[in-house]
Amino acid sequence: MAGAGMKEIKTRIKSVESTKQITKAMELVSSSKFRKAKEQAESSRPYFNTLYNTVQDIAKNTGNSKNVFLKERKVNNACYIVIAGDRGLAGGYNSNILKAVLAHNSKNTAKVISIGKRAKDSLSKRGYEIIDSIYSVEDAVYEDANRVAQRAMEAYKNGEVDEVNLVYTEFISALTQEPKVVRLLPVTIDKNKEEVKKDKSAVEYLPSADAVLGYILPKYVSGSVYGAIAESYASEQAARRTAMESATDNANEMISKLELVYNRARQAAVTQEISEIVAGASSAQ
């Protein structure tokens, strides 16, 4: 019986060691991808922050703008641009994005533009209408972001939707990533009167602030989508690296415990064998 138990423990140790090799390899791959993704996310932030501030400054100076993307209206139909991962094994990364969408819209009637395989699979199963998609976050380029941004703007302009929200994961640090829901359309303008007055005296837009706003708004929307893709991809790799590192540590701990159990079983088997030999010798005398 002892021999059979020792064999099972040995098989279990080999199984955990095989799993550990996989999780360690995935951790190393994610670490390599994370470094590149982090650089891309951090380098893109200044551009998109400047773009956002520029839109805010121009919009404050347009007064009663007739731009359709600034007009508030009753929200009967919403659109969500949802960015999740291409695959799993990233802790709660994908589930947290799904929870953010469901918390913001629990009716399951919104239109969705999905970015990433997990976003499309999860939301389509819950009854959301997928009107456009980018299959892979890792392979997404600016042209892809621009295409889905144009689709969202078209849906808003034609009255298909009354609001466009961007759902992504903000990269804060290697250990912290935060799901966010940001309204893209209509553009929310800070109504600080003192800032408006100051801006009017400092900046003049030609041919007009409204015309400049009409030109830059599409770039703002597509730029926001691409910036969110960069943030989300860095967050996904960070989350996966953390999850695989934790899995590797758990495997090491499990192997240590199994080895201890194995050594105790082997010691017990040796002790039992010695006892049987001594008992046999005593009986012979």
Protein backbone atom coordinates (compact mmCIF):
# COMPACT_ATOMS: atom_id res chain seq x y z
CA MET A 1 0.00 0.00 0.00
CA ALA A 2 2.79 2.41 0.90
CA GLY A 3 4.52 1.77 -2.41
CA ALA A 4 1.31 2.51 -4.33
CA GLY A 5 0.80 5.77 -2.36
CA MET A 6 4.37 6.88 -3.03
CA LYS A 7 3.92 6.23 -6.72
CA GLU A 8 0.78 8.41 -6.81
CA ILE A 9 2.58 11.24 -5.01
CA LYS A 10 5.51 10.99 -7.45
CA THR A 11 3.09 11.17 -10.42
CA ARG A 12 1.40 14.20 -8.86
CA ILE A 13 4.75 15.95 -8.42
CA LYS A 14 5.64 15.39 -12.09
CA SER A 15 2.22 16.72 -13.13
CA VAL A 16 2.62 19.91 -11.09
CA GLU A 17 6.15 20.38 -12.42
CA SER A 18 4.82 20.18 -15.99
CA THR A 19 2.18 22.81 -15.17
CA LYS A 20 4.85 24.97 -13.57
CA GLN A 21 6.94 24.88 -16.76
CA ILE A 22 3.94 26.14 -18.76
CA THR A 23 3.08 28.95 -16.32
CA LYS A 24 6.73 30.01 -16.12
CA ALA A 25 7.01 30.13 -19.91
CA MET A 26 3.81 32.19 -20.14
CA GLU A 27 5.12 34.54 -17.46
CA LEU A 28 8.31 35.15 -19.45
CA VAL A 29 6.39 35.72 -22.69
CA SER A 30 4.03 38.16 -20.97
CA SER A 31 6.96 39.98 -19.38
CA SER A 32 8.53 40.50 -22.80
CA LYS A 33 5.26 41.71 -24.34
CA PHE A 34 4.50 43.86 -21.30
CA ARG A 35 7.68 45.90 -21.63
CA LYS A 36 6.85 46.84 -25.22
CA ALA A 37 3.18 47.46 -24.46
CA LYS A 38 4.03 49.66 -21.47
CA GLU A 39 6.36 51.80 -23.58
CA GLN A 40 3.69 52.19 -26.25
CA ALA A 41 0.99 53.14 -23.73
CA GLU A 42 3.19 55.66 -21.92
CA SER A 43 4.50 57.22 -25.14
CA SER A 44 0.98 57.66 -26.55
CA ARG A 45 -0.50 59.36 -23.49
CA PRO A 46 0.93 62.87 -24.06
CA TYR A 47 -0.47 62.97 -27.60
CA PHE A 48 -3.97 61.89 -26.62
CA ASN A 49 -4.02 64.10 -23.50
CA THR A 50 -3.08 67.07 -25.69
CA LEU A 51 -5.79 66.10 -28.18
CA TYR A 52 -8.38 65.94 -25.41
CA ASN A 53 -7.35 69.31 -23.96
CA THR A 54 -7.43 70.87 -27.43
CA VAL A 55 -10.99 69.65 -28.04
CA GLN A 56 -12.02 71.03 -24.66
CA ASP A 57 -10.42 74.43 -25.35
CA ILE A 58 -11.98 74.75 -28.81
CA ALA A 59 -15.41 73.57 -27.65
CA LYS A 60 -15.45 76.18 -24.89
CA ASN A 61 -14.88 78.89 -27.48
CA THR A 62 -17.57 77.78 -29.93
CA GLY A 63 -20.43 79.19 -27.87
CA ASN A 64 -23.69 77.76 -29.20
CA SER A 65 -22.08 75.27 -31.55
CA LYS A 66 -24.29 73.45 -34.03
CA ASN A 67 -21.93 70.47 -34.11
CA VAL A 68 -24.04 67.33 -33.69
CA PHE A 69 -21.38 65.64 -31.55
CA LEU A 70 -21.75 68.30 -28.83
CA LYS A 71 -25.54 68.16 -28.57
CA GLU A 72 -27.01 66.39 -25.54
CA ARG A 73 -30.10 64.27 -26.17
CA LYS A 74 -32.20 61.70 -24.39
CA VAL A 75 -30.45 58.34 -24.33
CA ASN A 76 -32.73 55.66 -25.73
CA ASN A 77 -30.00 53.59 -27.38
CA ALA A 78 -26.38 53.42 -26.36
CA CYS A 79 -23.25 52.15 -28.05
CA TYR A 80 -20.27 50.66 -26.23
CA ILE A 81 -16.79 50.32 -27.68
CA VAL A 82 -15.52 47.47 -25.48
CA ILE A 83 -11.86 46.48 -25.32
CA ALA A 84 -11.04 43.11 -23.72
CA GLY A 85 -8.32 40.51 -24.25
CA ASP A 86 -7.57 38.10 -27.05
CA ARG A 87 -7.22 35.17 -24.66
CA GLY A 88 -7.65 34.20 -21.01
CA LEU A 89 -5.29 33.26 -18.16
CA ALA A 90 -5.00 36.92 -17.12
CA GLY A 91 -6.64 36.82 -13.71
CA GLY A 92 -9.78 38.95 -13.55
CA TYR A 93 -8.84 41.18 -16.48
CA ASN A 94 -11.55 40.06 -18.93
CA SER A 95 -14.26 39.48 -16.32
CA ASN A 96 -13.71 42.97 -14.85
CA ILE A 97 -14.35 44.58 -18.25
CA LEU A 98 -17.53 42.55 -18.67
CA LYS A 99 -18.68 43.57 -15.18
CA ALA A 100 -18.04 47.23 -16.04
CA VAL A 101 -20.29 46.97 -19.13
CA LEU A 102 -23.06 45.13 -17.27
CA ALA A 103 -22.93 47.61 -14.38
CA HIS A 104 -23.25 50.54 -16.78
CA ASN A 105 -25.93 48.90 -18.95
CA SER A 106 -27.82 45.96 -17.50
CA LYS A 107 -30.58 45.84 -20.16
CA ASN A 108 -28.44 43.97 -22.69
CA THR A 109 -29.98 46.09 -25.47
CA ALA A 110 -27.02 48.30 -26.36
CA LYS A 111 -25.05 48.11 -29.58
CA VAL A 112 -21.43 47.02 -29.18
CA ILE A 113 -18.23 47.54 -31.11
CA SER A 114 -15.94 44.83 -29.75
CA ILE A 115 -12.17 44.94 -29.73
CA GLY A 116 -10.59 41.63 -28.77
CA LYS A 117 -11.94 38.08 -29.08
CA ARG A 118 -13.12 37.86 -25.48
CA ALA A 119 -15.24 41.01 -25.76
CA LYS A 120 -17.07 39.73 -28.82
CA ASP A 121 -17.64 36.22 -27.45
CA SER A 122 -18.84 37.33 -24.01
CA LEU A 123 -21.16 40.17 -25.06
CA SER A 124 -22.71 38.41 -28.07
CA LYS A 125 -23.72 35.52 -25.78
CA ARG A 126 -25.50 38.02 -23.52
CA GLY A 127 -27.62 39.41 -26.30
CA TYR A 128 -25.72 42.56 -27.23
CA GLU A 129 -25.78 43.52 -30.91
CA ILE A 130 -22.26 43.56 -32.36
CA ILE A 131 -22.19 46.23 -35.09
CA ASP A 132 -18.44 46.12 -35.75
CA SER A 133 -15.35 44.47 -34.30
CA ILE A 134 -11.58 44.24 -34.23
CA TYR A 135 -10.67 40.60 -33.67
CA SER A 136 -7.23 41.07 -32.09
CA VAL A 137 -6.04 43.73 -29.63
CA GLU A 138 -2.42 42.71 -30.11
CA ASP A 139 -2.55 43.15 -33.89
CA ALA A 140 -4.72 46.29 -33.89
CA VAL A 141 -3.28 49.36 -35.68
CA TYR A 142 -4.44 52.96 -35.89
CA GLU A 143 -6.37 52.29 -39.10
CA ASP A 144 -8.49 49.71 -37.23
CA ALA A 145 -9.20 52.18 -34.43
CA ASN A 146 -10.10 54.85 -36.98
CA ARG A 147 -12.51 52.48 -38.75
CA VAL A 148 -14.50 51.57 -35.64
CA ALA A 149 -14.44 55.18 -34.46
CA GLN A 150 -15.96 56.27 -37.77
CA ARG A 151 -18.60 53.54 -37.42
CA ALA A 152 -19.52 54.80 -33.94
CA MET A 153 -19.66 58.42 -35.11
CA GLU A 154 -21.83 57.43 -38.06
CA ALA A 155 -24.24 55.56 -35.77
CA TYR A 156 -24.45 58.59 -33.48
CA LYS A 157 -24.88 61.07 -36.32
CA ASN A 158 -27.62 58.98 -37.98
CA GLY A 159 -29.53 58.62 -34.72
CA GLU A 160 -28.95 54.86 -34.36
CA VAL A 161 -27.49 55.57 -30.91
CA ASP A 162 -27.73 58.54 -28.58
CA GLU A 163 -24.51 57.96 -26.68
CA VAL A 164 -21.13 56.32 -27.33
CA ASN A 165 -19.13 54.97 -24.40
CA LEU A 166 -15.58 53.63 -24.41
CA VAL A 167 -14.91 50.73 -22.04
CA TYR A 168 -11.27 49.83 -21.47
CA THR A 169 -8.71 49.09 -18.77
CA GLU A 170 -6.49 51.96 -17.71
CA PHE A 171 -2.88 50.96 -17.08
CA ILE A 172 -1.77 52.47 -13.76
CA SER A 173 1.15 50.22 -12.84
CA ALA A 174 2.38 46.67 -13.30
CA LEU A 175 0.22 45.63 -10.33
CA THR A 176 -2.76 47.95 -10.80
CA GLN A 177 -5.14 48.16 -13.74
CA GLU A 178 -8.53 49.85 -13.51
CA PRO A 179 -11.58 49.22 -15.75
CA LYS A 180 -13.11 52.50 -16.95
CA VAL A 181 -16.24 53.60 -18.79
CA VAL A 182 -15.74 56.95 -20.56
CA ARG A 183 -18.36 58.78 -22.59
CA LEU A 184 -16.97 59.72 -26.00
CA LEU A 185 -20.11 61.14 -27.62
CA PRO A 186 -21.61 63.57 -27.11
CA VAL A 187 -18.41 65.28 -26.02
CA THR A 188 -18.64 66.44 -22.41
CA ILE A 189 -17.45 70.03 -22.02
CA ASP A 190 -16.30 71.55 -18.75
CA LYS A 191 -18.53 74.59 -18.26
CA ASN A 192 -16.09 76.66 -16.23
CA LYS A 193 -16.98 80.26 -17.13
CA GLU A 194 -13.68 81.72 -16.00
CA GLU A 195 -11.75 79.37 -18.28
CA VAL A 196 -14.03 80.19 -21.22
CA LYS A 197 -13.49 83.89 -20.74
CA LYS A 198 -9.74 83.46 -20.46
CA ASP A 199 -9.56 81.23 -23.55
CA LYS A 200 -11.59 83.63 -25.69
CA SER A 201 -9.12 86.41 -25.08
CA ALA A 202 -6.08 84.22 -25.70
CA VAL A 203 -6.91 82.10 -28.77
CA GLU A 204 -8.41 82.87 -32.18
CA TYR A 205 -9.41 80.01 -34.50
CA LEU A 206 -9.53 80.37 -38.27
CA PRO A 207 -11.77 80.15 -40.19
CA SER A 208 -13.81 79.60 -36.99
CA ALA A 209 -13.69 77.60 -33.79
CA ASP A 210 -16.68 75.57 -34.97
CA ALA A 211 -14.94 74.66 -38.25
CA VAL A 212 -11.74 73.64 -36.45
CA LEU A 213 -13.77 71.59 -33.99
CA GLY A 214 -15.51 69.77 -36.84
CA TYR A 215 -12.12 68.86 -38.30
CA ILE A 216 -10.49 67.71 -35.07
CA LEU A 217 -13.38 65.80 -33.44
CA PRO A 218 -13.04 62.67 -35.65
CA LYS A 219 -9.34 62.58 -34.82
CA TYR A 220 -10.17 62.96 -31.15
CA VAL A 221 -12.56 59.98 -31.20
CA SER A 222 -10.26 57.69 -33.20
CA GLY A 223 -7.28 58.81 -31.15
CA SER A 224 -9.12 58.05 -27.91
CA VAL A 225 -9.98 54.55 -29.16
CA TYR A 226 -6.40 53.83 -30.18
CA GLY A 227 -5.04 55.20 -26.89
CA ALA A 228 -7.48 52.97 -25.00
CA ILE A 229 -6.30 49.96 -27.03
CA ALA A 230 -2.70 50.70 -26.03
CA GLU A 231 -3.69 51.09 -22.37
CA SER A 232 -5.76 47.89 -22.42
CA TYR A 233 -3.06 45.80 -24.09
CA ALA A 234 -0.47 46.89 -21.52
CA SER A 235 -2.97 46.11 -18.75
CA GLU A 236 -3.70 42.67 -20.19
CA GLN A 237 -0.03 41.69 -20.34
CA ALA A 238 0.59 43.03 -16.83
CA ALA A 239 -2.42 41.10 -15.49
CA ARG A 240 -1.33 37.90 -17.27
CA ARG A 241 2.24 38.21 -16.01
CA THR A 242 0.99 38.67 -12.45
CA ALA A 243 -1.41 35.72 -12.76
CA MET A 244 1.26 33.40 -14.18
CA GLU A 245 3.79 34.50 -11.59
CA SER A 246 1.27 33.70 -8.87
CA ALA A 247 0.51 30.32 -10.50
CA THR A 248 4.23 29.49 -10.66
CA ASP A 249 4.66 30.39 -6.99
CA ASN A 250 1.67 28.22 -6.08
CA ALA A 251 3.14 25.33 -8.08
CA ASN A 252 6.46 25.64 -6.23
CA GLU A 253 4.63 25.63 -2.92
CA MET A 254 2.58 22.60 -3.92
CA ILE A 255 5.69 20.72 -5.07
CA SER A 256 7.40 21.44 -1.73
CA LYS A 257 4.41 20.08 0.18
CA LEU A 258 4.17 16.99 -2.02
CA GLU A 259 7.89 16.30 -1.64
CA LEU A 260 7.50 16.54 2.14
CA VAL A 261 4.59 14.08 2.03
CA TYR A 262 6.61 11.79 -0.27
CA ASN A 263 9.64 11.82 2.05
CA ARG A 264 7.45 11.05 5.04
CA ALA A 265 5.79 8.17 3.19
CA ARG A 266 9.17 6.81 2.13
CA GLN A 267 10.49 7.10 5.70
CA ALA A 268 7.40 5.32 7.01
CA ALA A 269 7.86 2.55 4.43
CA VAL A 270 11.52 2.10 5.42
CA THR A 271 10.62 2.04 9.13
CA GLN A 272 7.91 -0.52 8.52
CA GLU A 273 10.29 -2.70 6.53
CA ILE A 274 12.93 -2.56 9.29
CA SER A 275 10.28 -3.41 11.88
CA GLU A 276 9.19 -6.44 9.85
CA ILE A 277 12.80 -7.62 9.51
CA VAL A 278 13.41 -7.24 13.26
CA ALA A 279 10.12 -9.02 14.03
CA GLY A 280 11.06 -11.84 11.65
CA ALA A 281 14.50 -12.20 13.23
CA SER A 282 12.99 -12.32 16.73
CA SER A 283 10.56 -15.05 15.69
CA ALA A 284 13.40 -17.14 14.21
CA GLN A 285 15.19 -17.10 17.57
